[in-house]
Amino acid sequence: SFDELEAELLQGQKLQ
């Protein structure tokens, strides 16, 4: 799902 992909990207950005 695209939603899952975006969620992972969002989490990565939150880490930075």
PDB file of N, CA and C in Angstrom:
ATOM      1  N   SER A   1       0.840  -1.218   0.000  1.00  0.00           N
ATOM      2  CA  SER A   1       0.000   0.000   0.000  1.00  0.00           C
ATOM      3  C   SER A   1       0.866   1.256   0.000  1.00  0.00           C
ATOM      4  N   PHE A   2       0.379   2.268  -0.637  1.00  0.00           N
ATOM      5  CA  PHE A   2       1.139   3.519  -0.679  1.00  0.00           C
ATOM      6  C   PHE A   2       1.172   4.176   0.700  1.00  0.00           C
ATOM      7  N   ASP A   3       0.068   3.997   1.441  1.00  0.00           N
ATOM      8  CA  ASP A   3      -0.016   4.582   2.774  1.00  0.00           C
ATOM      9  C   ASP A   3       1.110   4.064   3.664  1.00  0.00           C
ATOM     10  N   GLU A   4       1.391   2.780   3.546  1.00  0.00           N
ATOM     11  CA  GLU A   4       2.465   2.200   4.370  1.00  0.00           C
ATOM     12  C   GLU A   4       3.814   2.773   3.970  1.00  0.00           C
ATOM     13  N   LEU A   5       4.001   2.978   2.694  1.00  0.00           N
ATOM     14  CA  LEU A   5       5.267   3.529   2.222  1.00  0.00           C
ATOM     15  C   LEU A   5       5.447   4.951   2.736  1.00  0.00           C
ATOM     16  N   GLU A   6       4.377   5.717   2.664  1.00  0.00           N
ATOM     17  CA  GLU A   6       4.455   7.093   3.142  1.00  0.00           C
ATOM     18  C   GLU A   6       4.688   7.134   4.647  1.00  0.00           C
ATOM     19  N   ALA A   7       4.069   6.209   5.348  1.00  0.00           N
ATOM     20  CA  ALA A   7       4.229   6.154   6.805  1.00  0.00           C
ATOM     21  C   ALA A   7       5.695   5.914   7.157  1.00  0.00           C
ATOM     22  N   GLU A   8       6.324   5.019   6.414  1.00  0.00           N
ATOM     23  CA  GLU A   8       7.741   4.738   6.702  1.00  0.00           C
ATOM     24  C   GLU A   8       8.593   5.966   6.388  1.00  0.00           C
ATOM     25  N   LEU A   9       8.248   6.654   5.317  1.00  0.00           N
ATOM     26  CA  LEU A   9       9.002   7.852   4.949  1.00  0.00           C
ATOM     27  C   LEU A   9       8.833   8.925   6.019  1.00  0.00           C
ATOM     28  N   LEU A  10       7.615   9.044   6.525  1.00  0.00           N
ATOM     29  CA  LEU A  10       7.348  10.031   7.569  1.00  0.00           C
ATOM     30  C   LEU A  10       8.137   9.703   8.821  1.00  0.00           C
ATOM     31  N   GLN A  11       8.205   8.434   9.165  1.00  0.00           N
ATOM     32  CA  GLN A  11       8.958   8.033  10.359  1.00  0.00           C
ATOM     33  C   GLN A  11      10.439   8.345  10.178  1.00  0.00           C
ATOM     34  N   GLY A  12      10.947   8.138   8.985  1.00  0.00           N
ATOM     35  CA  GLY A  12      12.357   8.428   8.708  1.00  0.00           C
ATOM     36  C   GLY A  12      12.635   9.906   8.871  1.00  0.00           C
ATOM     37  N   GLN A  13      11.706  10.740   8.404  1.00  0.00           N
ATOM     38  CA  GLN A  13      11.902  12.179   8.523  1.00  0.00           C
ATOM     39  C   GLN A  13      11.827  12.611   9.974  1.00  0.00           C
ATOM     40  N   LYS A  14      10.963  11.950  10.739  1.00  0.00           N
ATOM     41  CA  LYS A  14      10.811  12.293  12.157  1.00  0.00           C
ATOM     42  C   LYS A  14      12.112  11.988  12.903  1.00  0.00           C
ATOM     43  N   LEU A  15      12.815  10.973  12.442  1.00  0.00           N
ATOM     44  CA  LEU A  15      14.058  10.587  13.107  1.00  0.00           C
ATOM     45  C   LEU A  15      15.115  11.677  12.940  1.00  0.00           C
ATOM     46  N   GLN A  16      15.141  12.305  11.765  1.00  0.00           N
ATOM     47  CA  GLN A  16      16.146  13.321  11.483  1.00  0.00           C
ATOM     48  C   GLN A  16      15.963  14.557  12.344  1.00  0.00           C
TER      49      GLN A  16
END
